C-alpha atoms as a PDB file:
ATOM      1  CA  MET A   1      -6.156  -0.794  16.601  1.00  0.00           C
ATOM      2  CA  ARG A   2      -2.605  -0.444  15.235  1.00  0.00           C
ATOM      3  CA  GLU A   3      -1.127  -2.741  17.885  1.00  0.00           C
ATOM      4  CA  LYS A   4      -3.579  -5.510  17.031  1.00  0.00           C
ATOM      5  CA  ALA A   5      -3.006  -5.078  13.274  1.00  0.00           C
ATOM      6  CA  MET A   6       0.774  -5.124  13.719  1.00  0.00           C
ATOM      7  CA  SER A   7       0.518  -8.254  15.857  1.00  0.00           C
ATOM      8  CA  VAL A   8      -1.597 -10.014  13.214  1.00  0.00           C
ATOM      9  CA  LEU A   9       0.767  -8.891  10.447  1.00  0.00           C
ATOM     10  CA  LYS A  10       3.832 -10.206  12.294  1.00  0.00           C
ATOM     11  CA  GLN A  11       2.069 -13.503  12.982  1.00  0.00           C
ATOM     12  CA  TYR A  12       2.028 -14.213   9.234  1.00  0.00           C
ATOM     13  CA  THR A  13       4.877 -12.018   7.945  1.00  0.00           C
ATOM     14  CA  LYS A  14       8.500 -12.479   8.979  1.00  0.00           C
ATOM     15  CA  SER A  15      10.221 -10.630   6.111  1.00  0.00           C
ATOM     16  CA  GLU A  16      11.432  -7.205   7.217  1.00  0.00           C
ATOM     17  CA  ALA A  17      11.015  -5.933   3.642  1.00  0.00           C
ATOM     18  CA  LEU A  18       7.350  -6.962   3.593  1.00  0.00           C
ATOM     19  CA  ILE A  19       6.775  -5.423   7.017  1.00  0.00           C
ATOM     20  CA  ARG A  20       8.374  -2.162   5.830  1.00  0.00           C
ATOM     21  CA  HIS A  21       6.126  -2.250   2.740  1.00  0.00           C
ATOM     22  CA  ALA A  22       3.061  -2.755   4.951  1.00  0.00           C
ATOM     23  CA  ILE A  23       4.097   0.227   7.094  1.00  0.00           C
ATOM     24  CA  ALA A  24       4.601   2.366   3.966  1.00  0.00           C
ATOM     25  CA  VAL A  25       1.110   1.477   2.730  1.00  0.00           C
ATOM     26  CA  GLU A  26      -0.261   2.107   6.225  1.00  0.00           C
ATOM     27  CA  ALA A  27       1.306   5.589   6.192  1.00  0.00           C
ATOM     28  CA  VAL A  28      -0.279   6.366   2.829  1.00  0.00           C
ATOM     29  CA  MET A  29      -3.676   5.134   3.970  1.00  0.00           C
ATOM     30  CA  ARG A  30      -3.481   7.199   7.156  1.00  0.00           C
ATOM     31  CA  TYR A  31      -2.478  10.283   5.144  1.00  0.00           C
ATOM     32  CA  PHE A  32      -5.403   9.968   2.736  1.00  0.00           C
ATOM     33  CA  ALA A  33      -7.800   9.214   5.619  1.00  0.00           C
ATOM     34  CA  ALA A  34      -6.734  12.325   7.535  1.00  0.00           C
ATOM     35  CA  GLU A  35      -7.089  14.439   4.412  1.00  0.00           C
ATOM     36  CA  ALA A  36     -10.603  13.074   3.810  1.00  0.00           C
ATOM     37  CA  GLY A  37     -11.683  13.374   7.456  1.00  0.00           C
ATOM     38  CA  GLU A  38     -12.003   9.593   7.759  1.00  0.00           C
ATOM     39  CA  ASP A  39     -10.985   7.125  10.487  1.00  0.00           C
ATOM     40  CA  VAL A  40      -7.179   7.198  10.378  1.00  0.00           C
ATOM     41  CA  GLU A  41      -6.783   4.146  12.620  1.00  0.00           C
ATOM     42  CA  TYR A  42      -9.157   1.990  10.575  1.00  0.00           C
ATOM     43  CA  TRP A  43      -7.638   3.006   7.238  1.00  0.00           C
ATOM     44  CA  GLY A  44      -4.167   2.451   8.663  1.00  0.00           C
ATOM     45  CA  ALA A  45      -5.064  -1.068   9.814  1.00  0.00           C
ATOM     46  CA  VAL A  46      -6.401  -1.902   6.333  1.00  0.00           C
ATOM     47  CA  GLY A  47      -3.114  -0.681   4.848  1.00  0.00           C
ATOM     48  CA  LEU A  48      -1.001  -2.552   7.370  1.00  0.00           C
ATOM     49  CA  LEU A  49      -2.833  -5.847   6.752  1.00  0.00           C
ATOM     50  CA  HIS A  50      -3.318  -5.622   2.979  1.00  0.00           C
ATOM     51  CA  ASP A  51      -0.653  -8.282   2.309  1.00  0.00           C
ATOM     52  CA  VAL A  52      -1.243 -10.371   5.457  1.00  0.00           C
ATOM     53  CA  ASP A  53      -1.315 -13.625   3.473  1.00  0.00           C
ATOM     54  CA  TYR A  54       1.365 -12.766   0.905  1.00  0.00           C
ATOM     55  CA  GLU A  55       4.465 -14.285   2.507  1.00  0.00           C
ATOM     56  CA  MET A  56       3.016 -17.550   3.828  1.00  0.00           C
ATOM     57  CA  TYR A  57       0.485 -18.116   1.032  1.00  0.00           C
ATOM     58  CA  PRO A  58       1.830 -16.366  -2.095  1.00  0.00           C
ATOM     59  CA  ASP A  59      -0.243 -18.527  -4.441  1.00  0.00           C
ATOM     60  CA  GLU A  60      -3.382 -17.717  -2.454  1.00  0.00           C
ATOM     61  CA  HIS A  61      -2.774 -13.955  -2.047  1.00  0.00           C
ATOM     62  CA  CYS A  62      -6.047 -12.173  -1.196  1.00  0.00           C
ATOM     63  CA  LYS A  63      -7.751 -15.575  -1.107  1.00  0.00           C
ATOM     64  CA  LYS A  64      -6.304 -16.777   2.209  1.00  0.00           C
ATOM     65  CA  ALA A  65      -6.553 -13.322   3.855  1.00  0.00           C
ATOM     66  CA  PRO A  66     -10.286 -13.610   4.682  1.00  0.00           C
ATOM     67  CA  GLU A  67      -9.693 -16.749   6.745  1.00  0.00           C
ATOM     68  CA  LEU A  68      -6.701 -15.230   8.585  1.00  0.00           C
ATOM     69  CA  LEU A  69      -8.432 -11.912   9.246  1.00  0.00           C
ATOM     70  CA  ARG A  70     -11.714 -13.510  10.317  1.00  0.00           C
ATOM     71  CA  ALA A  71      -9.785 -15.644  12.832  1.00  0.00           C
ATOM     72  CA  ALA A  72      -8.252 -12.423  14.179  1.00  0.00           C
ATOM     73  CA  GLY A  73     -11.716 -10.922  14.663  1.00  0.00           C
ATOM     74  CA  TYR A  74     -11.995  -8.611  11.667  1.00  0.00           C
ATOM     75  CA  ASP A  75     -15.417  -8.204  10.055  1.00  0.00           C
ATOM     76  CA  ASP A  76     -16.460  -8.766   6.453  1.00  0.00           C
ATOM     77  CA  ALA A  77     -16.313  -5.067   5.518  1.00  0.00           C
ATOM     78  CA  PHE A  78     -12.709  -4.805   6.733  1.00  0.00           C
ATOM     79  CA  ILE A  79     -11.772  -8.027   4.946  1.00  0.00           C
ATOM     80  CA  TYR A  80     -13.363  -6.884   1.691  1.00  0.00           C
ATOM     81  CA  SER A  81     -11.405  -3.634   1.850  1.00  0.00           C
ATOM     82  CA  VAL A  82      -8.155  -5.546   2.383  1.00  0.00           C
ATOM     83  CA  ILE A  83      -8.628  -7.964  -0.505  1.00  0.00           C
ATOM     84  CA  SER A  84      -9.976  -5.380  -2.966  1.00  0.00           C
ATOM     85  CA  HIS A  85      -6.420  -4.226  -3.736  1.00  0.00           C
ATOM     86  CA  GLY A  86      -6.023  -7.503  -5.653  1.00  0.00           C
ATOM     87  CA  HIS A  87      -8.932  -6.705  -7.992  1.00  0.00           C
ATOM     88  CA  GLY A  88      -8.408  -7.975 -11.516  1.00  0.00           C
ATOM     89  CA  ILE A  89      -5.128  -9.609 -10.547  1.00  0.00           C
ATOM     90  CA  VAL A  90      -5.968 -12.293  -7.990  1.00  0.00           C
ATOM     91  CA  VAL A  91      -9.573 -11.591  -6.899  1.00  0.00           C
ATOM     92  CA  ASP A  92     -12.812 -10.189  -8.295  1.00  0.00           C
ATOM     93  CA  ALA A  93     -13.468  -7.916  -5.279  1.00  0.00           C
ATOM     94  CA  GLU A  94     -13.703  -4.499  -6.896  1.00  0.00           C
ATOM     95  CA  PRO A  95     -12.611  -1.420  -4.939  1.00  0.00           C
ATOM     96  CA  LYS A  96     -15.851   0.488  -4.243  1.00  0.00           C
ATOM     97  CA  LEU A  97     -15.219   2.712  -1.246  1.00  0.00           C
ATOM     98  CA  TYR A  98     -12.827   5.667  -1.483  1.00  0.00           C
ATOM     99  CA  MET A  99     -10.565   3.884   1.023  1.00  0.00           C
ATOM    100  CA  GLU A 100     -10.407   0.790  -1.197  1.00  0.00           C
ATOM    101  CA  LYS A 101      -9.638   2.881  -4.270  1.00  0.00           C
ATOM    102  CA  VAL A 102      -6.789   4.587  -2.413  1.00  0.00           C
ATOM    103  CA  LEU A 103      -5.336   1.201  -1.405  1.00  0.00           C
ATOM    104  CA  TYR A 104      -5.623  -0.115  -4.959  1.00  0.00           C
ATOM    105  CA  ALA A 105      -3.944   2.974  -6.451  1.00  0.00           C
ATOM    106  CA  THR A 106      -1.125   3.304  -3.948  1.00  0.00           C
ATOM    107  CA  ASP A 107       0.015  -0.216  -3.003  1.00  0.00           C
ATOM    108  CA  GLU A 108       2.250  -0.673  -6.042  1.00  0.00           C
ATOM    109  CA  LEU A 109       3.206   3.003  -6.055  1.00  0.00           C
ATOM    110  CA  THR A 110       4.788   2.796  -2.593  1.00  0.00           C
ATOM    111  CA  GLY A 111       7.088   0.106  -3.983  1.00  0.00           C
ATOM    112  CA  LEU A 112       8.107   2.279  -6.913  1.00  0.00           C
ATOM    113  CA  ILE A 113       8.739   5.281  -4.671  1.00  0.00           C
ATOM    114  CA  GLY A 114      10.777   3.136  -2.297  1.00  0.00           C
ATOM    115  CA  ALA A 115      12.879   1.730  -5.132  1.00  0.00           C
ATOM    116  CA  ALA A 116      13.407   5.215  -6.580  1.00  0.00           C
ATOM    117  CA  ALA A 117      14.438   6.535  -3.159  1.00  0.00           C
ATOM    118  CA  LEU A 118      17.048   3.793  -2.825  1.00  0.00           C
ATOM    119  CA  MET A 119      18.665   4.995  -6.066  1.00  0.00           C
ATOM    120  CA  ARG A 120      19.286   8.441  -4.571  1.00  0.00           C
ATOM    121  CA  PRO A 121      22.566   9.277  -2.803  1.00  0.00           C
ATOM    122  CA  SER A 122      20.542   9.832   0.402  1.00  0.00           C
ATOM    123  CA  LYS A 123      18.639   6.529  -0.013  1.00  0.00           C
ATOM    124  CA  SER A 124      15.691   8.416   1.460  1.00  0.00           C
ATOM    125  CA  VAL A 125      12.177   9.633   0.676  1.00  0.00           C
ATOM    126  CA  MET A 126      12.956  12.845   2.512  1.00  0.00           C
ATOM    127  CA  ASP A 127      14.459  14.501  -0.568  1.00  0.00           C
ATOM    128  CA  ILE A 128      12.786  12.661  -3.439  1.00  0.00           C
ATOM    129  CA  GLU A 129      10.612  14.667  -5.809  1.00  0.00           C
ATOM    130  CA  VAL A 130       7.585  13.812  -7.928  1.00  0.00           C
ATOM    131  CA  LYS A 131       9.538  14.328 -11.168  1.00  0.00           C
ATOM    132  CA  SER A 132      12.149  11.736 -10.113  1.00  0.00           C
ATOM    133  CA  VAL A 133       9.465   9.149  -9.376  1.00  0.00           C
ATOM    134  CA  LYS A 134       7.639  10.006 -12.611  1.00  0.00           C
ATOM    135  CA  LYS A 135      10.850   9.443 -14.594  1.00  0.00           C
ATOM    136  CA  LYS A 136      11.269   6.013 -12.971  1.00  0.00           C
ATOM    137  CA  PHE A 137       7.569   5.286 -13.584  1.00  0.00           C
ATOM    138  CA  LYS A 138       8.106   5.794 -17.326  1.00  0.00           C
ATOM    139  CA  ASP A 139      11.175   3.517 -17.353  1.00  0.00           C
ATOM    140  CA  LYS A 140       9.558   0.070 -17.643  1.00  0.00           C
ATOM    141  CA  SER A 141      12.832  -1.713 -16.847  1.00  0.00           C
ATOM    142  CA  PHE A 142      13.128   0.083 -13.486  1.00  0.00           C
ATOM    143  CA  ALA A 143      11.357  -1.840 -10.705  1.00  0.00           C
ATOM    144  CA  ALA A 144       9.904  -4.040 -13.434  1.00  0.00           C
ATOM    145  CA  GLY A 145       7.710  -5.909 -10.933  1.00  0.00           C
ATOM    146  CA  VAL A 146       5.672  -2.776 -10.232  1.00  0.00           C
ATOM    147  CA  ASN A 147       2.402  -2.957 -12.145  1.00  0.00           C
ATOM    148  CA  ARG A 148       2.122   0.479 -13.691  1.00  0.00           C
ATOM    149  CA  GLU A 149      -1.262  -0.308 -15.250  1.00  0.00           C
ATOM    150  CA  VAL A 150      -2.730  -0.892 -11.786  1.00  0.00           C
ATOM    151  CA  ILE A 151      -1.350   2.463 -10.655  1.00  0.00           C
ATOM    152  CA  LYS A 152      -2.793   4.238 -13.717  1.00  0.00           C
ATOM    153  CA  GLN A 153      -6.162   2.519 -13.294  1.00  0.00           C
ATOM    154  CA  GLY A 154      -6.107   3.338  -9.592  1.00  0.00           C
ATOM    155  CA  CYS A 155      -5.494   7.036 -10.246  1.00  0.00           C
ATOM    156  CA  GLN A 156      -8.302   7.013 -12.775  1.00  0.00           C
ATOM    157  CA  ASN A 157     -10.636   5.339 -10.236  1.00  0.00           C
ATOM    158  CA  LEU A 158      -9.758   8.093  -7.760  1.00  0.00           C
ATOM    159  CA  GLY A 159     -10.236  10.821 -10.358  1.00  0.00           C
ATOM    160  CA  MET A 160      -6.736  12.089  -9.570  1.00  0.00           C
ATOM    161  CA  GLU A 161      -3.668  12.855 -11.633  1.00  0.00           C
ATOM    162  CA  LEU A 162      -0.696  10.525 -11.219  1.00  0.00           C
ATOM    163  CA  ASP A 163       1.517  13.444 -10.094  1.00  0.00           C
ATOM    164  CA  ASP A 164      -0.892  14.270  -7.254  1.00  0.00           C
ATOM    165  CA  VAL A 165      -1.055  10.671  -6.058  1.00  0.00           C
ATOM    166  CA  ILE A 166       2.750  10.372  -6.200  1.00  0.00           C
ATOM    167  CA  ASN A 167       3.110  13.597  -4.215  1.00  0.00           C
ATOM    168  CA  LYS A 168       0.706  12.465  -1.497  1.00  0.00           C
ATOM    169  CA  CYS A 169       2.434   9.076  -1.272  1.00  0.00           C
ATOM    170  CA  ILE A 170       5.833  10.735  -0.874  1.00  0.00           C
ATOM    171  CA  LEU A 171       4.520  13.048   1.841  1.00  0.00           C
ATOM    172  CA  ALA A 172       2.901  10.107   3.619  1.00  0.00           C
ATOM    173  CA  MET A 173       5.972   7.896   3.385  1.00  0.00           C
ATOM    174  CA  ARG A 174       8.076  10.690   4.884  1.00  0.00           C
ATOM    175  CA  THR A 175       5.997  10.405   8.074  1.00  0.00           C
ATOM    176  CA  LYS A 176       7.303   6.850   8.549  1.00  0.00           C
ATOM    177  CA  ALA A 177      10.713   7.233   6.854  1.00  0.00           C
ATOM    178  CA  ALA A 178      12.657   5.779   9.784  1.00  0.00           C
ATOM    179  CA  GLU A 179      10.308   2.789  10.181  1.00  0.00           C
ATOM    180  CA  ILE A 180      10.410   1.933   6.487  1.00  0.00           C
ATOM    181  CA  GLY A 181      14.166   2.416   6.251  1.00  0.00           C
ATOM    182  CA  LEU A 182      13.970   5.290   3.795  1.00  0.00           C
END
């Protein structure tokens, strides 16, 4: 399942930074899936393909994805899960399943953690701590493109504290540190 998802992603995404982001989100989705006893491969594929249309169709993000994913053989449930991370921003598809809520809460957070890791002398997630990420989260000028309200709303939807979600994201991103360049 991962090979197919990676192939589809690379068909529409050439930017190494966007591919690294997709892999970071995939790692987080796989981590949460394993913890919940869910299908790690399926969750990982949703994470890997969440921004499949972003590079080629930035003005149609989450709106072009259904067409691309359907052409690749993905079903409506998979497609809905992928586009639900854009809820309230670019689409009306509300995250309903636990998997969709995890994607919504953690997509932006992986970007913040990655940016915070790059500020460290090690430039790595291997030694970053929750408190460091939390400090950067509170600094609105740091990684200003990261939508902190989405992260807060996502944590609320999950019924989890921000610190716990940050911690799980860090642990997950460490599993793919080499692939994501951190």
